[in-house]
Amino acid sequence: MSEHYGFIVKAKTRPEKSDAFEALFAAFVEPSRQEPGCIEYHMLRDKQDPSLFMFYEIWASKAHLDVHSALPHMVEFAQRRMEYLEEDFDFQLIEMLSASSAQR
């Protein structure tokens, strides 16, 4: 399954911006899941540290992710991300070793 492009992103938000960050990205989840090439797209929030968010994304290819990343709302957020974040995103590339559960 290594042809897929997957990653986990940690987003450490400014505490006073955490709820705004959640509201902003919660609105992106379902539309992102409908994009061509999206296999998994999950937004998570740490229960012990509510200013820490994680995104788990699997795309059919890097090209599909590139299309997603070039959408106007994603470009705008990328330019303004540090208004929300305490530190820049922490990306961890991953290899998907099991089949997607999204279609079950």
PDB file of N, CA and C in Angstrom:
ATOM      1  N   MET A   1       0.813  -1.197   0.000  1.00  0.00           N
ATOM      2  CA  MET A   1       0.000   0.000   0.000  1.00  0.00           C
ATOM      3  C   MET A   1       0.855   1.260   0.000  1.00  0.00           C
ATOM      4  N   SER A   2       2.128   1.115  -0.156  1.00  0.00           N
ATOM      5  CA  SER A   2       3.031   2.243  -0.012  1.00  0.00           C
ATOM      6  C   SER A   2       2.889   3.279  -1.121  1.00  0.00           C
ATOM      7  N   GLU A   3       2.084   3.002  -2.187  1.00  0.00           N
ATOM      8  CA  GLU A   3       1.900   4.008  -3.223  1.00  0.00           C
ATOM      9  C   GLU A   3       1.081   5.198  -2.718  1.00  0.00           C
ATOM     10  N   HIS A   4       0.355   4.990  -1.638  1.00  0.00           N
ATOM     11  CA  HIS A   4      -0.405   6.087  -1.050  1.00  0.00           C
ATOM     12  C   HIS A   4       0.538   7.087  -0.387  1.00  0.00           C
ATOM     13  N   TYR A   5       0.044   8.301  -0.200  1.00  0.00           N
ATOM     14  CA  TYR A   5       0.825   9.342   0.461  1.00  0.00           C
ATOM     15  C   TYR A   5       0.119   9.682   1.761  1.00  0.00           C
ATOM     16  N   GLY A   6       0.755   9.363   2.874  1.00  0.00           N
ATOM     17  CA  GLY A   6       0.118   9.575   4.164  1.00  0.00           C
ATOM     18  C   GLY A   6       1.006  10.315   5.139  1.00  0.00           C
ATOM     19  N   PHE A   7       0.345  10.976   6.071  1.00  0.00           N
ATOM     20  CA  PHE A   7       1.081  11.704   7.097  1.00  0.00           C
ATOM     21  C   PHE A   7       0.198  11.981   8.293  1.00  0.00           C
ATOM     22  N   ILE A   8       0.860  12.295   9.378  1.00  0.00           N
ATOM     23  CA  ILE A   8       0.223  12.807  10.580  1.00  0.00           C
ATOM     24  C   ILE A   8       0.820  14.185  10.815  1.00  0.00           C
ATOM     25  N   VAL A   9      -0.038  15.146  11.067  1.00  0.00           N
ATOM     26  CA  VAL A   9       0.409  16.513  11.343  1.00  0.00           C
ATOM     27  C   VAL A   9      -0.014  16.863  12.759  1.00  0.00           C
ATOM     28  N   LYS A  10       0.917  17.381  13.523  1.00  0.00           N
ATOM     29  CA  LYS A  10       0.588  17.914  14.838  1.00  0.00           C
ATOM     30  C   LYS A  10       0.541  19.429  14.718  1.00  0.00           C
ATOM     31  N   ALA A  11      -0.523  20.000  15.275  1.00  0.00           N
ATOM     32  CA  ALA A  11      -0.717  21.447  15.240  1.00  0.00           C
ATOM     33  C   ALA A  11      -0.888  21.933  16.675  1.00  0.00           C
ATOM     34  N   LYS A  12       0.123  22.588  17.188  1.00  0.00           N
ATOM     35  CA  LYS A  12       0.089  23.142  18.544  1.00  0.00           C
ATOM     36  C   LYS A  12      -0.412  24.576  18.439  1.00  0.00           C
ATOM     37  N   THR A  13      -1.663  24.774  18.842  1.00  0.00           N
ATOM     38  CA  THR A  13      -2.268  26.092  18.691  1.00  0.00           C
ATOM     39  C   THR A  13      -1.993  26.979  19.896  1.00  0.00           C
ATOM     40  N   ARG A  14      -2.152  28.268  19.674  1.00  0.00           N
ATOM     41  CA  ARG A  14      -2.145  29.210  20.786  1.00  0.00           C
ATOM     42  C   ARG A  14      -3.416  28.922  21.589  1.00  0.00           C
ATOM     43  N   PRO A  15      -3.323  28.792  22.904  1.00  0.00           N
ATOM     44  CA  PRO A  15      -4.510  28.416  23.692  1.00  0.00           C
ATOM     45  C   PRO A  15      -5.733  29.279  23.419  1.00  0.00           C
ATOM     46  N   GLU A  16      -5.538  30.559  23.239  1.00  0.00           N
ATOM     47  CA  GLU A  16      -6.682  31.443  23.007  1.00  0.00           C
ATOM     48  C   GLU A  16      -7.254  31.304  21.590  1.00  0.00           C
ATOM     49  N   LYS A  17      -6.540  30.598  20.717  1.00  0.00           N
ATOM     50  CA  LYS A  17      -6.989  30.400  19.332  1.00  0.00           C
ATOM     51  C   LYS A  17      -7.462  28.976  19.066  1.00  0.00           C
ATOM     52  N   SER A  18      -7.408  28.108  20.071  1.00  0.00           N
ATOM     53  CA  SER A  18      -7.727  26.690  19.867  1.00  0.00           C
ATOM     54  C   SER A  18      -9.145  26.471  19.361  1.00  0.00           C
ATOM     55  N   ASP A  19     -10.114  27.119  19.963  1.00  0.00           N
ATOM     56  CA  ASP A  19     -11.498  26.921  19.540  1.00  0.00           C
ATOM     57  C   ASP A  19     -11.740  27.463  18.136  1.00  0.00           C
ATOM     58  N   ALA A  20     -11.130  28.580  17.808  1.00  0.00           N
ATOM     59  CA  ALA A  20     -11.263  29.133  16.458  1.00  0.00           C
ATOM     60  C   ALA A  20     -10.618  28.205  15.433  1.00  0.00           C
ATOM     61  N   PHE A  21      -9.476  27.626  15.780  1.00  0.00           N
ATOM     62  CA  PHE A  21      -8.803  26.670  14.903  1.00  0.00           C
ATOM     63  C   PHE A  21      -9.695  25.462  14.675  1.00  0.00           C
ATOM     64  N   GLU A  22     -10.276  24.942  15.760  1.00  0.00           N
ATOM     65  CA  GLU A  22     -11.167  23.787  15.629  1.00  0.00           C
ATOM     66  C   GLU A  22     -12.355  24.103  14.725  1.00  0.00           C
ATOM     67  N   ALA A  23     -12.987  25.238  14.932  1.00  0.00           N
ATOM     68  CA  ALA A  23     -14.145  25.612  14.117  1.00  0.00           C
ATOM     69  C   ALA A  23     -13.763  25.757  12.644  1.00  0.00           C
ATOM     70  N   LEU A  24     -12.625  26.366  12.394  1.00  0.00           N
ATOM     71  CA  LEU A  24     -12.168  26.557  11.022  1.00  0.00           C
ATOM     72  C   LEU A  24     -11.955  25.218  10.337  1.00  0.00           C
ATOM     73  N   PHE A  25     -11.188  24.335  10.954  1.00  0.00           N
ATOM     74  CA  PHE A  25     -10.850  23.075  10.307  1.00  0.00           C
ATOM     75  C   PHE A  25     -11.974  22.048  10.341  1.00  0.00           C
ATOM     76  N   ALA A  26     -12.851  22.128  11.313  1.00  0.00           N
ATOM     77  CA  ALA A  26     -13.992  21.201  11.339  1.00  0.00           C
ATOM     78  C   ALA A  26     -14.827  21.370  10.066  1.00  0.00           C
ATOM     79  N   ALA A  27     -14.901  22.583   9.573  1.00  0.00           N
ATOM     80  CA  ALA A  27     -15.655  22.847   8.343  1.00  0.00           C
ATOM     81  C   ALA A  27     -14.961  22.302   7.099  1.00  0.00           C
ATOM     82  N   PHE A  28     -13.681  21.979   7.190  1.00  0.00           N
ATOM     83  CA  PHE A  28     -12.929  21.463   6.034  1.00  0.00           C
ATOM     84  C   PHE A  28     -12.963  19.940   5.937  1.00  0.00           C
ATOM     85  N   VAL A  29     -13.317  19.241   7.010  1.00  0.00           N
ATOM     86  CA  VAL A  29     -13.181  17.782   7.039  1.00  0.00           C
ATOM     87  C   VAL A  29     -14.043  17.106   5.976  1.00  0.00           C
ATOM     88  N   GLU A  30     -15.334  17.302   6.001  1.00  0.00           N
ATOM     89  CA  GLU A  30     -16.207  16.601   5.044  1.00  0.00           C
ATOM     90  C   GLU A  30     -15.911  16.975   3.598  1.00  0.00           C
ATOM     91  N   PRO A  31     -15.745  18.261   3.273  1.00  0.00           N
ATOM     92  CA  PRO A  31     -15.392  18.579   1.882  1.00  0.00           C
ATOM     93  C   PRO A  31     -14.067  17.938   1.454  1.00  0.00           C
ATOM     94  N   SER A  32     -13.097  17.870   2.355  1.00  0.00           N
ATOM     95  CA  SER A  32     -11.818  17.247   2.018  1.00  0.00           C
ATOM     96  C   SER A  32     -12.001  15.765   1.740  1.00  0.00           C
ATOM     97  N   ARG A  33     -12.849  15.116   2.519  1.00  0.00           N
ATOM     98  CA  ARG A  33     -13.110  13.682   2.324  1.00  0.00           C
ATOM     99  C   ARG A  33     -13.749  13.393   0.970  1.00  0.00           C
ATOM    100  N   GLN A  34     -14.426  14.384   0.399  1.00  0.00           N
ATOM    101  CA  GLN A  34     -15.087  14.207  -0.890  1.00  0.00           C
ATOM    102  C   GLN A  34     -14.162  14.485  -2.078  1.00  0.00           C
ATOM    103  N   GLU A  35     -12.976  15.003  -1.810  1.00  0.00           N
ATOM    104  CA  GLU A  35     -12.052  15.325  -2.899  1.00  0.00           C
ATOM    105  C   GLU A  35     -11.505  14.058  -3.548  1.00  0.00           C
ATOM    106  N   PRO A  36     -11.257  14.112  -4.851  1.00  0.00           N
ATOM    107  CA  PRO A  36     -10.647  12.959  -5.524  1.00  0.00           C
ATOM    108  C   PRO A  36      -9.307  12.611  -4.870  1.00  0.00           C
ATOM    109  N   GLY A  37      -9.110  11.340  -4.617  1.00  0.00           N
ATOM    110  CA  GLY A  37      -7.842  10.872  -4.057  1.00  0.00           C
ATOM    111  C   GLY A  37      -7.769  10.847  -2.549  1.00  0.00           C
ATOM    112  N   CYS A  38      -8.775  11.371  -1.854  1.00  0.00           N
ATOM    113  CA  CYS A  38      -8.756  11.343  -0.395  1.00  0.00           C
ATOM    114  C   CYS A  38      -9.208   9.967   0.076  1.00  0.00           C
ATOM    115  N   ILE A  39      -8.356   9.299   0.816  1.00  0.00           N
ATOM    116  CA  ILE A  39      -8.665   7.971   1.351  1.00  0.00           C
ATOM    117  C   ILE A  39      -9.059   8.064   2.819  1.00  0.00           C
ATOM    118  N   GLU A  40      -8.309   8.815   3.596  1.00  0.00           N
ATOM    119  CA  GLU A  40      -8.603   9.038   5.016  1.00  0.00           C
ATOM    120  C   GLU A  40      -8.312  10.508   5.322  1.00  0.00           C
ATOM    121  N   TYR A  41      -9.179  11.120   6.125  1.00  0.00           N
ATOM    122  CA  TYR A  41      -8.954  12.502   6.561  1.00  0.00           C
ATOM    123  C   TYR A  41      -9.613  12.637   7.921  1.00  0.00           C
ATOM    124  N   HIS A  42      -8.798  12.740   8.945  1.00  0.00           N
ATOM    125  CA  HIS A  42      -9.313  12.812  10.308  1.00  0.00           C
ATOM    126  C   HIS A  42      -8.665  13.972  11.060  1.00  0.00           C
ATOM    127  N   MET A  43      -9.487  14.676  11.808  1.00  0.00           N
ATOM    128  CA  MET A  43      -9.035  15.752  12.684  1.00  0.00           C
ATOM    129  C   MET A  43      -9.233  15.259  14.113  1.00  0.00           C
ATOM    130  N   LEU A  44      -8.191  15.353  14.920  1.00  0.00           N
ATOM    131  CA  LEU A  44      -8.230  14.869  16.295  1.00  0.00           C
ATOM    132  C   LEU A  44      -7.761  15.957  17.244  1.00  0.00           C
ATOM    133  N   ARG A  45      -8.245  15.903  18.469  1.00  0.00           N
ATOM    134  CA  ARG A  45      -7.824  16.867  19.488  1.00  0.00           C
ATOM    135  C   ARG A  45      -7.397  16.093  20.727  1.00  0.00           C
ATOM    136  N   ASP A  46      -6.263  16.445  21.269  1.00  0.00           N
ATOM    137  CA  ASP A  46      -5.729  15.786  22.450  1.00  0.00           C
ATOM    138  C   ASP A  46      -6.632  16.064  23.652  1.00  0.00           C
ATOM    139  N   LYS A  47      -6.976  15.040  24.402  1.00  0.00           N
ATOM    140  CA  LYS A  47      -7.858  15.217  25.569  1.00  0.00           C
ATOM    141  C   LYS A  47      -7.149  15.878  26.744  1.00  0.00           C
ATOM    142  N   GLN A  48      -5.844  15.679  26.872  1.00  0.00           N
ATOM    143  CA  GLN A  48      -5.109  16.278  27.986  1.00  0.00           C
ATOM    144  C   GLN A  48      -4.622  17.688  27.665  1.00  0.00           C
ATOM    145  N   ASP A  49      -4.398  17.959  26.391  1.00  0.00           N
ATOM    146  CA  ASP A  49      -3.932  19.287  25.973  1.00  0.00           C
ATOM    147  C   ASP A  49      -4.837  19.771  24.841  1.00  0.00           C
ATOM    148  N   PRO A  50      -5.901  20.498  25.146  1.00  0.00           N
ATOM    149  CA  PRO A  50      -6.854  20.914  24.115  1.00  0.00           C
ATOM    150  C   PRO A  50      -6.304  21.904  23.097  1.00  0.00           C
ATOM    151  N   SER A  51      -5.076  22.337  23.273  1.00  0.00           N
ATOM    152  CA  SER A  51      -4.464  23.206  22.264  1.00  0.00           C
ATOM    153  C   SER A  51      -3.673  22.398  21.226  1.00  0.00           C
ATOM    154  N   LEU A  52      -3.658  21.066  21.383  1.00  0.00           N
ATOM    155  CA  LEU A  52      -2.925  20.197  20.454  1.00  0.00           C
ATOM    156  C   LEU A  52      -3.911  19.438  19.572  1.00  0.00           C
ATOM    157  N   PHE A  53      -3.761  19.642  18.269  1.00  0.00           N
ATOM    158  CA  PHE A  53      -4.579  18.955  17.269  1.00  0.00           C
ATOM    159  C   PHE A  53      -3.675  18.075  16.425  1.00  0.00           C
ATOM    160  N   MET A  54      -4.264  17.015  15.901  1.00  0.00           N
ATOM    161  CA  MET A  54      -3.555  16.139  14.983  1.00  0.00           C
ATOM    162  C   MET A  54      -4.446  15.879  13.781  1.00  0.00           C
ATOM    163  N   PHE A  55      -3.822  15.746  12.650  1.00  0.00           N
ATOM    164  CA  PHE A  55      -4.531  15.388  11.425  1.00  0.00           C
ATOM    165  C   PHE A  55      -3.890  14.117  10.896  1.00  0.00           C
ATOM    166  N   TYR A  56      -4.741  13.166  10.556  1.00  0.00           N
ATOM    167  CA  TYR A  56      -4.307  11.898   9.967  1.00  0.00           C
ATOM    168  C   TYR A  56      -4.891  11.888   8.572  1.00  0.00           C
ATOM    169  N   GLU A  57      -4.014  11.917   7.576  1.00  0.00           N
ATOM    170  CA  GLU A  57      -4.478  11.990   6.193  1.00  0.00           C
ATOM    171  C   GLU A  57      -3.761  10.951   5.346  1.00  0.00           C
ATOM    172  N   ILE A  58      -4.550  10.296   4.497  1.00  0.00           N
ATOM    173  CA  ILE A  58      -4.016   9.376   3.495  1.00  0.00           C
ATOM    174  C   ILE A  58      -4.609   9.802   2.164  1.00  0.00           C
ATOM    175  N   TRP A  59      -3.748  10.041   1.211  1.00  0.00           N
ATOM    176  CA  TRP A  59      -4.144  10.436  -0.133  1.00  0.00           C
ATOM    177  C   TRP A  59      -3.668   9.371  -1.112  1.00  0.00           C
ATOM    178  N   ALA A  60      -4.366   9.231  -2.214  1.00  0.00           N
ATOM    179  CA  ALA A  60      -4.010   8.225  -3.217  1.00  0.00           C
ATOM    180  C   ALA A  60      -2.615   8.478  -3.778  1.00  0.00           C
ATOM    181  N   SER A  61      -2.201   9.741  -3.780  1.00  0.00           N
ATOM    182  CA  SER A  61      -0.868  10.088  -4.282  1.00  0.00           C
ATOM    183  C   SER A  61      -0.495  11.476  -3.773  1.00  0.00           C
ATOM    184  N   LYS A  62       0.763  11.810  -3.908  1.00  0.00           N
ATOM    185  CA  LYS A  62       1.236  13.157  -3.560  1.00  0.00           C
ATOM    186  C   LYS A  62       0.559  14.182  -4.460  1.00  0.00           C
ATOM    187  N   ALA A  63       0.299  13.815  -5.713  1.00  0.00           N
ATOM    188  CA  ALA A  63      -0.366  14.731  -6.648  1.00  0.00           C
ATOM    189  C   ALA A  63      -1.765  15.095  -6.155  1.00  0.00           C
ATOM    190  N   HIS A  64      -2.492  14.132  -5.605  1.00  0.00           N
ATOM    191  CA  HIS A  64      -3.819  14.428  -5.063  1.00  0.00           C
ATOM    192  C   HIS A  64      -3.724  15.399  -3.874  1.00  0.00           C
ATOM    193  N   LEU A  65      -2.741  15.182  -3.017  1.00  0.00           N
ATOM    194  CA  LEU A  65      -2.542  16.101  -1.899  1.00  0.00           C
ATOM    195  C   LEU A  65      -2.180  17.489  -2.408  1.00  0.00           C
ATOM    196  N   ASP A  66      -1.358  17.560  -3.439  1.00  0.00           N
ATOM    197  CA  ASP A  66      -0.970  18.855  -3.994  1.00  0.00           C
ATOM    198  C   ASP A  66      -2.186  19.637  -4.492  1.00  0.00           C
ATOM    199  N   VAL A  67      -3.140  18.949  -5.119  1.00  0.00           N
ATOM    200  CA  VAL A  67      -4.369  19.605  -5.572  1.00  0.00           C
ATOM    201  C   VAL A  67      -5.137  20.134  -4.362  1.00  0.00           C
ATOM    202  N   HIS A  68      -5.268  19.304  -3.335  1.00  0.00           N
ATOM    203  CA  HIS A  68      -5.949  19.713  -2.096  1.00  0.00           C
ATOM    204  C   HIS A  68      -5.259  20.942  -1.481  1.00  0.00           C
ATOM    205  N   SER A  69      -3.959  20.903  -1.402  1.00  0.00           N
ATOM    206  CA  SER A  69      -3.192  21.986  -0.779  1.00  0.00           C
ATOM    207  C   SER A  69      -3.264  23.293  -1.556  1.00  0.00           C
ATOM    208  N   ALA A  70      -3.585  23.205  -2.857  1.00  0.00           N
ATOM    209  CA  ALA A  70      -3.656  24.398  -3.701  1.00  0.00           C
ATOM    210  C   ALA A  70      -5.041  25.035  -3.719  1.00  0.00           C
ATOM    211  N   LEU A  71      -6.004  24.423  -3.030  1.00  0.00           N
ATOM    212  CA  LEU A  71      -7.344  25.020  -2.979  1.00  0.00           C
ATOM    213  C   LEU A  71      -7.273  26.367  -2.261  1.00  0.00           C
ATOM    214  N   PRO A  72      -8.096  27.322  -2.684  1.00  0.00           N
ATOM    215  CA  PRO A  72      -7.987  28.683  -2.118  1.00  0.00           C
ATOM    216  C   PRO A  72      -8.040  28.736  -0.595  1.00  0.00           C
ATOM    217  N   HIS A  73      -8.919  27.984   0.036  1.00  0.00           N
ATOM    218  CA  HIS A  73      -9.007  28.056   1.505  1.00  0.00           C
ATOM    219  C   HIS A  73      -7.773  27.473   2.177  1.00  0.00           C
ATOM    220  N   MET A  74      -7.144  26.487   1.549  1.00  0.00           N
ATOM    221  CA  MET A  74      -5.927  25.908   2.119  1.00  0.00           C
ATOM    222  C   MET A  74      -4.736  26.855   1.934  1.00  0.00           C
ATOM    223  N   VAL A  75      -4.659  27.494   0.792  1.00  0.00           N
ATOM    224  CA  VAL A  75      -3.590  28.467   0.535  1.00  0.00           C
ATOM    225  C   VAL A  75      -3.714  29.635   1.510  1.00  0.00           C
ATOM    226  N   GLU A  76      -4.952  30.128   1.687  1.00  0.00           N
ATOM    227  CA  GLU A  76      -5.169  31.244   2.607  1.00  0.00           C
ATOM    228  C   GLU A  76      -4.764  30.850   4.028  1.00  0.00           C
ATOM    229  N   PHE A  77      -5.173  29.641   4.450  1.00  0.00           N
ATOM    230  CA  PHE A  77      -4.804  29.219   5.793  1.00  0.00           C
ATOM    231  C   PHE A  77      -3.286  29.088   5.924  1.00  0.00           C
ATOM    232  N   ALA A  78      -2.635  28.500   4.928  1.00  0.00           N
ATOM    233  CA  ALA A  78      -1.178  28.319   4.996  1.00  0.00           C
ATOM    234  C   ALA A  78      -0.481  29.659   5.200  1.00  0.00           C
ATOM    235  N   GLN A  79      -0.993  30.700   4.574  1.00  0.00           N
ATOM    236  CA  GLN A  79      -0.393  32.023   4.703  1.00  0.00           C
ATOM    237  C   GLN A  79      -0.654  32.637   6.074  1.00  0.00           C
ATOM    238  N   ARG A  80      -1.764  32.249   6.722  1.00  0.00           N
ATOM    239  CA  ARG A  80      -2.154  32.860   8.001  1.00  0.00           C
ATOM    240  C   ARG A  80      -1.996  31.904   9.182  1.00  0.00           C
ATOM    241  N   ARG A  81      -1.423  30.737   8.976  1.00  0.00           N
ATOM    242  CA  ARG A  81      -1.415  29.686  10.001  1.00  0.00           C
ATOM    243  C   ARG A  81      -0.799  30.114  11.326  1.00  0.00           C
ATOM    244  N   MET A  82       0.216  30.957  11.282  1.00  0.00           N
ATOM    245  CA  MET A  82       0.888  31.321  12.527  1.00  0.00           C
ATOM    246  C   MET A  82       0.048  32.244  13.402  1.00  0.00           C
ATOM    247  N   GLU A  83      -1.057  32.757  12.882  1.00  0.00           N
ATOM    248  CA  GLU A  83      -2.010  33.477  13.727  1.00  0.00           C
ATOM    249  C   GLU A  83      -2.669  32.514  14.719  1.00  0.00           C
ATOM    250  N   TYR A  84      -2.752  31.248  14.347  1.00  0.00           N
ATOM    251  CA  TYR A  84      -3.384  30.216  15.166  1.00  0.00           C
ATOM    252  C   TYR A  84      -2.382  29.361  15.934  1.00  0.00           C
ATOM    253  N   LEU A  85      -1.214  29.176  15.355  1.00  0.00           N
ATOM    254  CA  LEU A  85      -0.263  28.191  15.878  1.00  0.00           C
ATOM    255  C   LEU A  85       0.777  28.806  16.811  1.00  0.00           C
ATOM    256  N   GLU A  86       1.107  28.045  17.834  1.00  0.00           N
ATOM    257  CA  GLU A  86       2.183  28.417  18.754  1.00  0.00           C
ATOM    258  C   GLU A  86       3.542  28.088  18.136  1.00  0.00           C
ATOM    259  N   GLU A  87       3.561  27.014  17.371  1.00  0.00           N
ATOM    260  CA  GLU A  87       4.757  26.605  16.620  1.00  0.00           C
ATOM    261  C   GLU A  87       4.279  26.008  15.310  1.00  0.00           C
ATOM    262  N   ASP A  88       5.133  26.002  14.301  1.00  0.00           N
ATOM    263  CA  ASP A  88       4.706  25.532  12.987  1.00  0.00           C
ATOM    264  C   ASP A  88       4.371  24.045  13.027  1.00  0.00           C
ATOM    265  N   PHE A  89       3.639  23.601  12.032  1.00  0.00           N
ATOM    266  CA  PHE A  89       3.213  22.207  11.944  1.00  0.00           C
ATOM    267  C   PHE A  89       4.388  21.240  12.075  1.00  0.00           C
ATOM    268  N   ASP A  90       4.124  20.119  12.704  1.00  0.00           N
ATOM    269  CA  ASP A  90       5.079  19.028  12.825  1.00  0.00           C
ATOM    270  C   ASP A  90       4.548  17.881  11.957  1.00  0.00           C
ATOM    271  N   PHE A  91       5.167  17.662  10.792  1.00  0.00           N
ATOM    272  CA  PHE A  91       4.738  16.630   9.845  1.00  0.00           C
ATOM    273  C   PHE A  91       5.506  15.336  10.076  1.00  0.00           C
ATOM    274  N   GLN A  92       4.787  14.246  10.047  1.00  0.00           N
ATOM    275  CA  GLN A  92       5.390  12.921  10.133  1.00  0.00           C
ATOM    276  C   GLN A  92       4.840  12.100   8.972  1.00  0.00           C
ATOM    277  N   LEU A  93       5.692  11.777   7.997  1.00  0.00           N
ATOM    278  CA  LEU A  93       5.260  10.944   6.880  1.00  0.00           C
ATOM    279  C   LEU A  93       5.076   9.515   7.372  1.00  0.00           C
ATOM    280  N   ILE A  94       4.026   8.866   6.901  1.00  0.00           N
ATOM    281  CA  ILE A  94       3.737   7.504   7.329  1.00  0.00           C
ATOM    282  C   ILE A  94       3.465   6.621   6.123  1.00  0.00           C
ATOM    283  N   GLU A  95       3.599   5.337   6.335  1.00  0.00           N
ATOM    284  CA  GLU A  95       3.264   4.347   5.319  1.00  0.00           C
ATOM    285  C   GLU A  95       2.035   3.584   5.803  1.00  0.00           C
ATOM    286  N   MET A  96       1.026   3.521   4.963  1.00  0.00           N
ATOM    287  CA  MET A  96      -0.208   2.824   5.309  1.00  0.00           C
ATOM    288  C   MET A  96      -0.014   1.335   5.069  1.00  0.00           C
ATOM    289  N   LEU A  97      -0.053   0.550   6.135  1.00  0.00           N
ATOM    290  CA  LEU A  97       0.209  -0.898   6.040  1.00  0.00           C
ATOM    291  C   LEU A  97      -1.067  -1.736   6.047  1.00  0.00           C
ATOM    292  N   SER A  98      -2.184  -1.131   6.373  1.00  0.00           N
ATOM    293  CA  SER A  98      -3.451  -1.857   6.387  1.00  0.00           C
ATOM    294  C   SER A  98      -4.436  -1.168   5.449  1.00  0.00           C
ATOM    295  N   ALA A  99      -5.464  -1.904   5.061  1.00  0.00           N
ATOM    296  CA  ALA A  99      -6.474  -1.351   4.165  1.00  0.00           C
ATOM    297  C   ALA A  99      -7.268  -0.256   4.879  1.00  0.00           C
ATOM    298  N   SER A 100      -7.778   0.672   4.101  1.00  0.00           N
ATOM    299  CA  SER A 100      -8.594   1.752   4.655  1.00  0.00           C
ATOM    300  C   SER A 100      -9.890   1.195   5.227  1.00  0.00           C
ATOM    301  N   SER A 101     -10.300   1.764   6.334  1.00  0.00           N
ATOM    302  CA  SER A 101     -11.583   1.401   6.925  1.00  0.00           C
ATOM    303  C   SER A 101     -12.666   2.388   6.523  1.00  0.00           C
ATOM    304  N   ALA A 102     -12.333   3.390   5.745  1.00  0.00           N
ATOM    305  CA  ALA A 102     -13.261   4.463   5.405  1.00  0.00           C
ATOM    306  C   ALA A 102     -14.463   3.981   4.601  1.00  0.00           C
ATOM    307  N   GLN A 103     -14.314   2.921   3.855  1.00  0.00           N
ATOM    308  CA  GLN A 103     -15.395   2.453   2.989  1.00  0.00           C
ATOM    309  C   GLN A 103     -16.249   1.357   3.629  1.00  0.00           C
ATOM    310  N   ARG A 104     -16.012   1.052   4.902  1.00  0.00           N
ATOM    311  CA  ARG A 104     -16.793  -0.019   5.549  1.00  0.00           C
ATOM    312  C   ARG A 104     -18.134   0.468   5.984  1.00  0.00           C
TER     313      ARG A 104
END
